[in-house]
Amino acid sequence: MTSNIPLTIWQCGRCDHEWASRQVRPTICPACKSPYHDRPYVQTMTERERERLRSVATSRVAAAIQSGRLPPPSTQKCTDCDQAAEQYDHRDYRKPLRVAPVCCKCNIARGWDATAFLVTDESFRARRDGLIVPVKEPRLIQCPHCGESYYTRTADPCRCARCARKLKNRKPKAPGPGPDNAPNGAKGDPDAA
């Protein structure tokens, strides 16, 4: 008895396993048991995860320079323009020791690394694509302790930039329970009788 459904060769998009099947669409990959075998694996991450990867990668490079596994970038030439290199450039923070010595100008010209395109945060993607340029306007702040005025871009600075004393919290406090804010029928309300 022959089947009307032809034998089809399938390949898993996750584990690259190939198998033959007469099913119209197999439900799972027989090797990795993934129900998403017909879609390629795309890793996504948040901006916080990318910053953690970046931090780990830069510290691994610093440790490799300290131990002598990588030469200092100042002793090498830039891979793009043959000037003196000033730093190492990661093209992918998931591979922390795969770096290239570059000068600052060439590092900026190279642009974003590969992990920047995996971030799903909308605000980060807008900054990456050049839709939003994160520039805060400077505000004039006056310290109540020393009386000095200075400009800051911080939304709510907690210390004075001149004398380093703590600034008062300028956010309005939420009204607490008291005679003026007590609910109806509570103690201290003259109209509650």
Protein backbone atom coordinates (compact mmCIF):
# COMPACT_ATOMS: atom_id res chain seq x y z
CA MET A 1 0.00 0.00 0.00
CA THR A 2 1.50 3.32 -1.04
CA SER A 3 0.86 6.65 0.57
CA ASN A 4 -0.38 9.67 -1.38
CA ILE A 5 1.78 12.02 0.71
CA PRO A 6 5.31 12.27 -0.69
CA LEU A 7 8.36 11.79 1.48
CA THR A 8 9.75 15.22 2.45
CA ILE A 9 13.15 16.06 3.89
CA TRP A 10 12.91 18.49 6.81
CA GLN A 11 15.70 20.41 8.55
CA CYS A 12 15.38 21.84 12.03
CA GLY A 13 16.09 25.57 12.23
CA ARG A 14 17.30 25.16 15.82
CA CYS A 15 19.66 22.14 15.81
CA ASP A 16 20.17 21.59 12.01
CA HIS A 17 18.98 17.98 12.27
CA GLU A 18 17.62 16.54 9.00
CA TRP A 19 14.96 13.87 8.81
CA ALA A 20 12.50 12.42 6.33
CA SER A 21 8.80 12.53 7.07
CA ARG A 22 5.51 11.92 5.30
CA GLN A 23 3.68 14.37 7.55
CA VAL A 24 2.40 17.54 5.91
CA ARG A 25 4.04 19.55 8.67
CA PRO A 26 5.85 17.75 11.50
CA THR A 27 4.89 18.95 14.95
CA ILE A 28 8.33 18.62 16.57
CA CYS A 29 11.94 17.97 15.62
CA PRO A 30 12.78 14.34 16.48
CA ALA A 31 16.27 15.28 17.71
CA CYS A 32 15.79 18.39 19.90
CA LYS A 33 11.99 18.03 20.38
CA SER A 34 11.50 21.71 19.54
CA PRO A 35 8.04 22.65 18.25
CA TYR A 36 9.68 25.66 16.55
CA HIS A 37 11.82 23.57 14.19
CA ASP A 38 10.50 25.45 11.16
CA ARG A 39 11.72 28.85 12.44
CA PRO A 40 15.36 29.89 12.81
CA TYR A 41 16.54 30.69 16.32
CA VAL A 42 16.80 34.44 16.94
CA GLN A 43 18.16 35.52 20.29
CA THR A 44 16.79 38.71 21.79
CA MET A 45 17.90 40.58 24.88
CA THR A 46 17.13 43.65 26.92
CA GLU A 47 19.36 46.70 27.14
CA ARG A 48 20.32 45.68 30.67
CA GLU A 49 21.47 42.21 29.49
CA ARG A 50 23.50 43.81 26.69
CA GLU A 51 25.19 46.17 29.16
CA ARG A 52 26.03 43.20 31.39
CA LEU A 53 27.55 41.39 28.39
CA ARG A 54 29.51 44.53 27.51
CA SER A 55 30.80 44.87 31.06
CA VAL A 56 31.88 41.22 31.19
CA ALA A 57 33.59 41.46 27.79
CA THR A 58 35.58 44.59 28.68
CA SER A 59 36.67 43.13 32.02
CA ARG A 60 37.77 39.90 30.29
CA VAL A 61 39.87 41.93 27.83
CA ALA A 62 41.40 43.91 30.71
CA ALA A 63 42.24 40.66 32.51
CA ALA A 64 43.77 39.23 29.32
CA ILE A 65 45.94 42.35 28.92
CA GLN A 66 47.00 42.13 32.58
CA SER A 67 47.92 38.44 32.29
CA GLY A 68 49.80 38.95 29.02
CA ARG A 69 47.48 36.94 26.75
CA LEU A 70 46.64 40.13 24.83
CA PRO A 71 49.17 42.90 24.17
CA PRO A 72 48.19 46.43 25.23
CA PRO A 73 46.39 48.22 22.38
CA SER A 74 48.89 51.10 22.52
CA THR A 75 51.61 48.73 21.26
CA GLN A 76 49.63 47.84 18.11
CA LYS A 77 48.42 49.57 14.97
CA CYS A 78 44.81 50.25 14.11
CA THR A 79 43.43 47.50 11.86
CA ASP A 80 41.50 50.05 9.76
CA CYS A 81 43.85 53.01 9.26
CA ASP A 82 47.33 51.81 10.43
CA GLN A 83 47.66 54.60 13.02
CA ALA A 84 48.50 53.84 16.65
CA ALA A 85 45.67 51.87 18.26
CA GLU A 86 44.12 53.22 21.45
CA GLN A 87 41.54 50.58 22.38
CA TYR A 88 40.11 47.19 21.48
CA ASP A 89 36.83 46.96 19.59
CA HIS A 90 34.31 44.17 20.14
CA ARG A 91 32.16 43.34 17.16
CA ASP A 92 30.19 40.87 19.29
CA TYR A 93 30.10 41.07 23.10
CA ARG A 94 29.12 37.39 23.26
CA LYS A 95 32.69 36.57 22.14
CA PRO A 96 34.65 38.64 24.67
CA LEU A 97 38.21 37.93 23.50
CA ARG A 98 37.56 38.29 19.77
CA VAL A 99 38.68 41.92 19.50
CA ALA A 100 40.52 44.19 17.07
CA PRO A 101 42.92 47.01 18.02
CA VAL A 102 41.56 50.32 16.69
CA CYS A 103 41.96 54.05 17.20
CA CYS A 104 39.04 56.04 18.67
CA LYS A 105 38.08 57.53 15.30
CA CYS A 106 37.83 54.12 13.62
CA ASN A 107 35.95 52.64 16.59
CA ILE A 108 33.27 55.30 16.22
CA ALA A 109 33.19 54.78 12.44
CA ARG A 110 32.67 51.02 12.90
CA GLY A 111 29.36 51.70 14.64
CA TRP A 112 27.27 49.37 16.77
CA ASP A 113 28.28 45.82 17.61
CA ALA A 114 26.23 42.76 16.65
CA THR A 115 24.47 42.50 20.04
CA ALA A 116 22.96 45.98 19.60
CA PHE A 117 20.64 44.53 16.96
CA LEU A 118 19.28 41.86 19.33
CA VAL A 119 17.97 44.35 21.91
CA THR A 120 14.19 44.52 22.04
CA ASP A 121 13.81 47.68 24.17
CA GLU A 122 12.10 50.33 22.03
CA SER A 123 14.00 53.27 23.57
CA PHE A 124 17.36 51.60 22.93
CA ARG A 125 16.39 50.70 19.36
CA ALA A 126 15.36 54.31 18.69
CA ARG A 127 18.73 55.57 20.01
CA ARG A 128 20.58 52.91 17.97
CA ASP A 129 18.75 53.83 14.77
CA GLY A 130 19.34 57.56 15.31
CA LEU A 131 15.69 58.42 15.87
CA ILE A 132 16.31 59.78 19.38
CA VAL A 133 19.45 61.61 20.42
CA PRO A 134 19.66 61.45 24.24
CA VAL A 135 20.59 65.05 25.08
CA LYS A 136 19.29 66.56 28.27
CA GLU A 137 19.13 70.31 28.59
CA PRO A 138 21.25 71.66 31.45
CA ARG A 139 19.36 73.11 34.40
CA LEU A 140 20.56 75.77 36.83
CA ILE A 141 20.68 74.47 40.43
CA GLN A 142 21.49 76.48 43.55
CA CYS A 143 22.89 74.71 46.60
CA PRO A 144 21.12 75.73 49.85
CA HIS A 145 24.32 75.10 51.86
CA CYS A 146 27.05 76.97 49.98
CA GLY A 147 24.85 79.18 47.78
CA GLU A 148 26.76 78.24 44.63
CA SER A 149 24.84 77.97 41.38
CA TYR A 150 25.84 75.41 38.77
CA TYR A 151 24.43 73.68 35.72
CA THR A 152 23.52 69.99 35.79
CA ARG A 153 22.02 67.53 33.33
CA THR A 154 20.98 65.12 36.09
CA ALA A 155 17.23 64.97 36.67
CA ASP A 156 17.46 65.13 40.46
CA PRO A 157 21.02 65.49 41.81
CA CYS A 158 21.43 64.21 45.35
CA ARG A 159 24.71 66.04 46.16
CA CYS A 160 26.00 69.51 45.44
CA ALA A 161 28.70 69.47 42.77
CA ARG A 162 30.71 72.14 44.63
CA CYS A 163 30.53 71.31 48.36
CA ALA A 164 29.40 67.63 48.05
CA ARG A 165 26.72 68.04 50.73
CA LYS A 166 23.41 66.27 50.41
CA LEU A 167 20.67 68.28 48.77
CA LYS A 168 17.17 68.19 50.15
CA ASN A 169 14.74 65.92 48.38
CA ARG A 170 12.77 68.32 46.20
CA LYS A 171 10.05 65.79 45.34
CA PRO A 172 6.75 66.57 47.07
CA LYS A 173 5.91 64.10 49.80
CA ALA A 174 2.66 62.17 49.67
CA PRO A 175 0.16 63.41 52.24
CA GLY A 176 0.25 61.21 55.31
CA PRO A 177 -2.49 60.46 57.80
CA GLY A 178 -3.26 63.42 60.01
CA PRO A 179 -6.17 65.55 61.17
CA ASP A 180 -6.46 67.28 57.79
CA ASN A 181 -6.15 64.12 55.67
CA ALA A 182 -8.14 61.64 57.79
CA PRO A 183 -11.01 59.79 56.07
CA ASN A 184 -14.63 60.55 57.00
CA GLY A 185 -15.54 59.33 60.46
CA ALA A 186 -11.95 59.21 61.60
CA LYS A 187 -10.61 60.75 64.76
CA GLY A 188 -9.73 64.43 64.49
CA ASP A 189 -12.37 65.35 61.88
CA PRO A 190 -14.74 67.95 63.36
CA ASP A 191 -17.54 67.21 60.83
CA ALA A 192 -17.58 63.46 61.50
CA ALA A 193 -20.24 63.47 64.21
